[in-house]
Amino acid sequence: MDAKYLCRAKLKKGERWTIGYYIHTSDGGDYIVNPDKSLQLDESNAIDINTLCRCTGLVDKYSTLIFENDLCTYLSCGAVGYIKNCDIVWLNGAIIKEQISQALTTCCDELEVLDNIIDHPEI
């Protein structure tokens, strides 16, 4: 699968995360399909659209794909932020040194994906 077209979302049934290609149907259904498994659109791959996260096409220091809304830590200083529109929004008023960019493309080799902000609404 081509990473830049991948999406991740929580399934309506079971509320676990799934990764694949996003499909919106004319009848209002939202699905994630994995062509390696099945292209069938049914309740087994119906998603909660509020959890849809698009892949940035980039990977962190440990080769983990980075998606929108991922919580990440900047390894050299421990600052934590989340991904929004391919930028990093630093949390808790973290004061970041000037050399640390907010642009994801310039610093993903110093990031580690921790989790997803959707699973932590308190943040």
N, C-alpha and C. Protein backbone atom coordinates (compact mmCIF):
# COMPACT_ATOMS: atom_id res chain seq x y z
N MET A 1 0.84 -1.18 0.00
CA MET A 1 0.00 0.00 0.00
C MET A 1 0.88 1.24 0.00
N ASP A 2 0.47 2.27 -0.73
CA ASP A 2 1.21 3.52 -0.80
C ASP A 2 0.87 4.36 0.43
N ALA A 3 1.86 4.62 1.28
CA ALA A 3 1.65 5.27 2.57
C ALA A 3 0.98 6.64 2.46
N LYS A 4 1.30 7.40 1.43
CA LYS A 4 0.76 8.75 1.36
C LYS A 4 -0.75 8.78 1.15
N TYR A 5 -1.36 7.66 0.78
CA TYR A 5 -2.81 7.59 0.61
C TYR A 5 -3.51 6.86 1.75
N LEU A 6 -2.77 6.41 2.73
CA LEU A 6 -3.36 5.66 3.83
C LEU A 6 -4.08 6.58 4.81
N CYS A 7 -5.05 6.00 5.47
CA CYS A 7 -5.75 6.67 6.56
C CYS A 7 -5.87 5.68 7.72
N ARG A 8 -6.14 6.23 8.88
CA ARG A 8 -6.36 5.41 10.07
C ARG A 8 -7.61 5.97 10.75
N ALA A 9 -8.42 5.09 11.28
CA ALA A 9 -9.63 5.51 12.00
C ALA A 9 -10.06 4.37 12.92
N LYS A 10 -10.94 4.73 13.85
CA LYS A 10 -11.49 3.70 14.73
C LYS A 10 -12.71 3.08 14.08
N LEU A 11 -12.79 1.78 14.17
CA LEU A 11 -13.96 1.07 13.67
C LEU A 11 -15.15 1.38 14.55
N LYS A 12 -16.33 1.48 13.95
CA LYS A 12 -17.55 1.68 14.74
C LYS A 12 -17.80 0.48 15.64
N LYS A 13 -17.54 -0.69 15.09
CA LYS A 13 -17.75 -1.92 15.84
C LYS A 13 -16.44 -2.31 16.52
N GLY A 14 -16.39 -2.23 17.81
CA GLY A 14 -15.20 -2.64 18.54
C GLY A 14 -14.26 -1.51 18.91
N GLU A 15 -14.39 -0.37 18.27
CA GLU A 15 -13.58 0.81 18.55
C GLU A 15 -12.07 0.57 18.55
N ARG A 16 -11.61 -0.32 17.69
CA ARG A 16 -10.15 -0.46 17.56
C ARG A 16 -9.73 0.25 16.28
N TRP A 17 -8.46 0.61 16.22
CA TRP A 17 -7.92 1.33 15.07
C TRP A 17 -7.73 0.39 13.88
N THR A 18 -7.94 0.93 12.68
CA THR A 18 -7.69 0.20 11.45
C THR A 18 -6.97 1.14 10.48
N ILE A 19 -6.15 0.57 9.62
CA ILE A 19 -5.40 1.34 8.63
C ILE A 19 -5.71 0.81 7.23
N GLY A 20 -5.89 1.72 6.31
CA GLY A 20 -6.14 1.35 4.93
C GLY A 20 -6.54 2.57 4.12
N TYR A 21 -7.36 2.35 3.11
CA TYR A 21 -7.80 3.45 2.25
C TYR A 21 -9.21 3.87 2.64
N TYR A 22 -9.42 5.18 2.75
CA TYR A 22 -10.71 5.73 3.14
C TYR A 22 -11.66 5.77 1.94
N ILE A 23 -12.89 5.34 2.17
CA ILE A 23 -13.94 5.39 1.14
C ILE A 23 -15.19 5.99 1.77
N HIS A 24 -15.74 7.00 1.11
CA HIS A 24 -17.03 7.59 1.50
C HIS A 24 -18.02 7.25 0.39
N THR A 25 -19.12 6.63 0.75
CA THR A 25 -20.10 6.21 -0.25
C THR A 25 -21.22 7.24 -0.42
N SER A 26 -21.92 7.14 -1.52
CA SER A 26 -22.99 8.10 -1.82
C SER A 26 -24.14 8.02 -0.81
N ASP A 27 -24.27 6.89 -0.13
CA ASP A 27 -25.32 6.78 0.88
C ASP A 27 -24.86 7.27 2.26
N GLY A 28 -23.68 7.87 2.33
CA GLY A 28 -23.20 8.46 3.58
C GLY A 28 -22.34 7.55 4.43
N GLY A 29 -21.99 6.39 3.92
CA GLY A 29 -21.15 5.48 4.69
C GLY A 29 -19.68 5.86 4.62
N ASP A 30 -18.96 5.59 5.70
CA ASP A 30 -17.52 5.86 5.76
C ASP A 30 -16.82 4.56 6.13
N TYR A 31 -15.80 4.21 5.33
CA TYR A 31 -15.13 2.91 5.49
C TYR A 31 -13.62 3.06 5.31
N ILE A 32 -12.89 2.14 5.92
CA ILE A 32 -11.47 1.95 5.64
C ILE A 32 -11.34 0.54 5.09
N VAL A 33 -10.74 0.43 3.90
CA VAL A 33 -10.56 -0.89 3.30
C VAL A 33 -9.07 -1.18 3.14
N ASN A 34 -8.74 -2.43 3.25
CA ASN A 34 -7.39 -2.91 3.02
C ASN A 34 -7.47 -3.86 1.83
N PRO A 35 -6.96 -3.47 0.67
CA PRO A 35 -7.09 -4.30 -0.52
C PRO A 35 -6.43 -5.67 -0.38
N ASP A 36 -5.50 -5.82 0.56
CA ASP A 36 -4.88 -7.12 0.79
C ASP A 36 -5.85 -8.09 1.47
N LYS A 37 -6.91 -7.56 2.09
CA LYS A 37 -7.86 -8.40 2.81
C LYS A 37 -9.18 -8.51 2.07
N SER A 38 -9.85 -7.36 1.92
CA SER A 38 -11.17 -7.39 1.27
C SER A 38 -11.56 -5.97 0.87
N LEU A 39 -12.29 -5.86 -0.21
CA LEU A 39 -12.82 -4.56 -0.62
C LEU A 39 -14.30 -4.42 -0.30
N GLN A 40 -14.82 -5.37 0.43
CA GLN A 40 -16.23 -5.35 0.80
C GLN A 40 -16.49 -4.22 1.79
N LEU A 41 -17.59 -3.47 1.57
CA LEU A 41 -17.98 -2.38 2.46
C LEU A 41 -19.14 -2.86 3.32
N ASP A 42 -18.86 -3.09 4.59
CA ASP A 42 -19.91 -3.54 5.50
C ASP A 42 -19.55 -3.08 6.91
N GLU A 43 -20.30 -3.56 7.90
CA GLU A 43 -20.08 -3.09 9.27
C GLU A 43 -18.72 -3.49 9.83
N SER A 44 -18.05 -4.46 9.23
CA SER A 44 -16.74 -4.87 9.73
C SER A 44 -15.65 -3.85 9.45
N ASN A 45 -15.87 -2.94 8.48
CA ASN A 45 -14.87 -1.91 8.22
C ASN A 45 -15.48 -0.50 8.19
N ALA A 46 -16.70 -0.35 8.75
CA ALA A 46 -17.31 0.97 8.91
C ALA A 46 -16.58 1.71 10.02
N ILE A 47 -16.30 3.00 9.79
CA ILE A 47 -15.50 3.77 10.76
C ILE A 47 -16.28 4.92 11.36
N ASP A 48 -15.79 5.40 12.49
CA ASP A 48 -16.26 6.64 13.10
C ASP A 48 -15.50 7.76 12.40
N ILE A 49 -16.18 8.54 11.58
CA ILE A 49 -15.54 9.58 10.77
C ILE A 49 -14.82 10.62 11.64
N ASN A 50 -15.23 10.78 12.88
CA ASN A 50 -14.59 11.75 13.79
C ASN A 50 -13.18 11.32 14.20
N THR A 51 -12.81 10.08 13.88
CA THR A 51 -11.48 9.59 14.24
C THR A 51 -10.56 9.45 13.03
N LEU A 52 -11.02 9.86 11.86
CA LEU A 52 -10.24 9.71 10.63
C LEU A 52 -8.97 10.54 10.69
N CYS A 53 -7.83 9.90 10.44
CA CYS A 53 -6.52 10.56 10.43
C CYS A 53 -5.80 10.17 9.15
N ARG A 54 -5.36 11.15 8.41
CA ARG A 54 -4.65 10.88 7.16
C ARG A 54 -3.15 10.71 7.43
N CYS A 55 -2.53 9.85 6.66
CA CYS A 55 -1.10 9.59 6.79
C CYS A 55 -0.32 10.76 6.19
N THR A 56 0.76 11.14 6.84
CA THR A 56 1.62 12.22 6.33
C THR A 56 2.55 11.71 5.24
N GLY A 57 2.72 10.40 5.15
CA GLY A 57 3.68 9.82 4.22
C GLY A 57 5.09 9.79 4.78
N LEU A 58 5.25 10.24 6.03
CA LEU A 58 6.55 10.28 6.69
C LEU A 58 6.60 9.24 7.80
N VAL A 59 7.81 8.92 8.24
CA VAL A 59 8.00 7.99 9.34
C VAL A 59 8.84 8.65 10.43
N ASP A 60 8.68 8.15 11.66
CA ASP A 60 9.48 8.67 12.77
C ASP A 60 10.85 7.99 12.79
N LYS A 61 11.61 8.26 13.83
CA LYS A 61 12.96 7.71 13.94
C LYS A 61 12.98 6.19 13.88
N TYR A 62 11.89 5.55 14.30
CA TYR A 62 11.82 4.09 14.38
C TYR A 62 11.00 3.49 13.24
N SER A 63 10.82 4.25 12.16
CA SER A 63 10.11 3.83 10.95
C SER A 63 8.62 3.58 11.16
N THR A 64 8.03 4.21 12.16
CA THR A 64 6.59 4.15 12.38
C THR A 64 5.93 5.23 11.54
N LEU A 65 4.91 4.86 10.76
CA LEU A 65 4.20 5.86 9.97
C LEU A 65 3.62 6.94 10.87
N ILE A 66 3.66 8.18 10.41
CA ILE A 66 3.12 9.32 11.16
C ILE A 66 1.81 9.74 10.53
N PHE A 67 0.75 9.80 11.36
CA PHE A 67 -0.58 10.21 10.93
C PHE A 67 -0.96 11.52 11.61
N GLU A 68 -1.92 12.24 11.02
CA GLU A 68 -2.49 13.40 11.69
C GLU A 68 -2.97 12.96 13.07
N ASN A 69 -2.88 13.84 14.02
CA ASN A 69 -3.32 13.63 15.41
C ASN A 69 -2.42 12.70 16.21
N ASP A 70 -1.30 12.25 15.65
CA ASP A 70 -0.38 11.43 16.44
C ASP A 70 0.32 12.29 17.48
N LEU A 71 0.43 11.73 18.69
CA LEU A 71 1.24 12.35 19.74
C LEU A 71 2.67 11.90 19.52
N CYS A 72 3.59 12.84 19.54
CA CYS A 72 5.00 12.54 19.30
C CYS A 72 5.86 13.23 20.35
N THR A 73 7.01 12.66 20.58
CA THR A 73 7.99 13.33 21.42
C THR A 73 9.22 13.64 20.59
N TYR A 74 9.80 14.82 20.83
CA TYR A 74 11.03 15.21 20.18
C TYR A 74 12.15 14.66 21.06
N LEU A 75 12.84 13.66 20.56
CA LEU A 75 13.73 12.85 21.39
C LEU A 75 14.85 13.62 22.06
N SER A 76 15.42 14.61 21.41
CA SER A 76 16.58 15.28 22.00
C SER A 76 16.23 16.20 23.17
N CYS A 77 14.96 16.64 23.27
CA CYS A 77 14.63 17.51 24.39
C CYS A 77 13.40 17.06 25.17
N GLY A 78 12.70 16.03 24.69
CA GLY A 78 11.56 15.49 25.43
C GLY A 78 10.26 16.25 25.27
N ALA A 79 10.22 17.27 24.41
CA ALA A 79 8.99 18.01 24.19
C ALA A 79 7.97 17.10 23.51
N VAL A 80 6.70 17.29 23.86
CA VAL A 80 5.62 16.47 23.30
C VAL A 80 4.66 17.37 22.52
N GLY A 81 4.22 16.86 21.38
CA GLY A 81 3.27 17.59 20.56
C GLY A 81 2.43 16.63 19.76
N TYR A 82 1.51 17.19 18.98
CA TYR A 82 0.71 16.35 18.10
C TYR A 82 0.75 16.92 16.69
N ILE A 83 0.44 16.06 15.73
CA ILE A 83 0.54 16.42 14.32
C ILE A 83 -0.77 17.02 13.84
N LYS A 84 -0.68 18.18 13.20
CA LYS A 84 -1.84 18.85 12.63
C LYS A 84 -1.39 19.52 11.34
N ASN A 85 -1.98 19.11 10.21
CA ASN A 85 -1.64 19.68 8.90
C ASN A 85 -0.15 19.64 8.61
N CYS A 86 0.47 18.52 8.93
CA CYS A 86 1.92 18.29 8.71
C CYS A 86 2.80 19.26 9.48
N ASP A 87 2.28 19.85 10.54
CA ASP A 87 3.07 20.65 11.47
C ASP A 87 2.95 20.01 12.84
N ILE A 88 3.80 20.42 13.76
CA ILE A 88 3.73 19.93 15.13
C ILE A 88 3.21 21.03 16.02
N VAL A 89 2.15 20.73 16.78
CA VAL A 89 1.61 21.65 17.77
C VAL A 89 2.16 21.19 19.11
N TRP A 90 3.06 21.98 19.68
CA TRP A 90 3.70 21.60 20.95
C TRP A 90 2.72 21.80 22.09
N LEU A 91 2.72 20.86 23.04
CA LEU A 91 1.75 20.87 24.15
C LEU A 91 2.33 21.46 25.43
N ASN A 92 1.40 21.77 26.34
CA ASN A 92 1.74 22.21 27.68
C ASN A 92 2.65 23.43 27.69
N GLY A 93 2.50 24.29 26.70
CA GLY A 93 3.30 25.51 26.66
C GLY A 93 4.79 25.25 26.61
N ALA A 94 5.16 24.10 26.07
CA ALA A 94 6.58 23.76 26.01
C ALA A 94 7.34 24.84 25.25
N ILE A 95 8.41 25.29 25.85
CA ILE A 95 9.26 26.27 25.19
C ILE A 95 10.29 25.47 24.39
N ILE A 96 10.23 25.64 23.10
CA ILE A 96 11.07 24.86 22.20
C ILE A 96 12.22 25.74 21.72
N LYS A 97 13.39 25.19 21.71
CA LYS A 97 14.55 25.91 21.20
C LYS A 97 14.31 26.32 19.76
N GLU A 98 14.89 27.42 19.35
CA GLU A 98 14.66 27.95 18.01
C GLU A 98 15.03 26.97 16.91
N GLN A 99 16.02 26.11 17.15
CA GLN A 99 16.45 25.21 16.09
C GLN A 99 15.49 24.04 15.88
N ILE A 100 14.50 23.87 16.74
CA ILE A 100 13.52 22.81 16.58
C ILE A 100 12.35 23.37 15.78
N SER A 101 12.18 22.85 14.62
CA SER A 101 11.14 23.34 13.72
C SER A 101 9.78 22.78 14.10
N GLN A 102 8.74 23.51 13.70
CA GLN A 102 7.39 22.99 13.83
C GLN A 102 7.00 22.23 12.57
N ALA A 103 7.77 22.38 11.51
CA ALA A 103 7.46 21.69 10.26
C ALA A 103 7.88 20.23 10.37
N LEU A 104 6.95 19.35 10.23
CA LEU A 104 7.18 17.92 10.40
C LEU A 104 8.26 17.39 9.47
N THR A 105 8.28 17.88 8.25
CA THR A 105 9.22 17.35 7.26
C THR A 105 10.67 17.61 7.63
N THR A 106 10.92 18.58 8.49
CA THR A 106 12.31 18.90 8.83
C THR A 106 12.80 18.21 10.10
N CYS A 107 11.92 17.56 10.83
CA CYS A 107 12.38 16.99 12.10
C CYS A 107 11.85 15.59 12.39
N CYS A 108 11.24 14.90 11.43
CA CYS A 108 10.64 13.59 11.74
C CYS A 108 11.69 12.56 12.15
N ASP A 109 12.96 12.75 11.75
CA ASP A 109 14.00 11.80 12.16
C ASP A 109 14.38 11.95 13.63
N GLU A 110 13.83 12.97 14.31
CA GLU A 110 14.06 13.16 15.75
C GLU A 110 12.79 12.90 16.55
N LEU A 111 11.73 12.42 15.90
CA LEU A 111 10.45 12.18 16.57
C LEU A 111 10.23 10.71 16.85
N GLU A 112 9.46 10.46 17.90
CA GLU A 112 8.95 9.12 18.19
C GLU A 112 7.44 9.24 18.39
N VAL A 113 6.68 8.45 17.63
CA VAL A 113 5.23 8.42 17.79
C VAL A 113 4.91 7.70 19.10
N LEU A 114 4.11 8.35 19.95
CA LEU A 114 3.74 7.78 21.24
C LEU A 114 2.34 7.16 21.22
N ASP A 115 1.40 7.88 20.65
CA ASP A 115 -0.01 7.49 20.70
C ASP A 115 -0.77 8.41 19.76
N ASN A 116 -2.07 8.55 19.99
CA ASN A 116 -2.90 9.41 19.18
C ASN A 116 -3.72 10.29 20.11
N ILE A 117 -3.82 11.56 19.79
CA ILE A 117 -4.51 12.51 20.66
C ILE A 117 -6.00 12.18 20.79
N ILE A 118 -6.58 11.49 19.82
CA ILE A 118 -8.00 11.11 19.89
C ILE A 118 -8.24 10.17 21.06
N ASP A 119 -7.27 9.34 21.39
CA ASP A 119 -7.40 8.44 22.53
C ASP A 119 -7.16 9.15 23.86
N HIS A 120 -6.76 10.42 23.80
CA HIS A 120 -6.45 11.18 25.02
C HIS A 120 -7.11 12.55 24.95
N PRO A 121 -8.45 12.62 25.02
CA PRO A 121 -9.15 13.90 24.88
C PRO A 121 -8.81 14.89 26.00
N GLU A 122 -8.24 14.42 27.08
CA GLU A 122 -7.89 15.32 28.18
C GLU A 122 -6.71 16.24 27.86
N ILE A 123 -6.00 15.94 26.78
CA ILE A 123 -4.81 16.74 26.43
C ILE A 123 -5.21 18.03 25.78
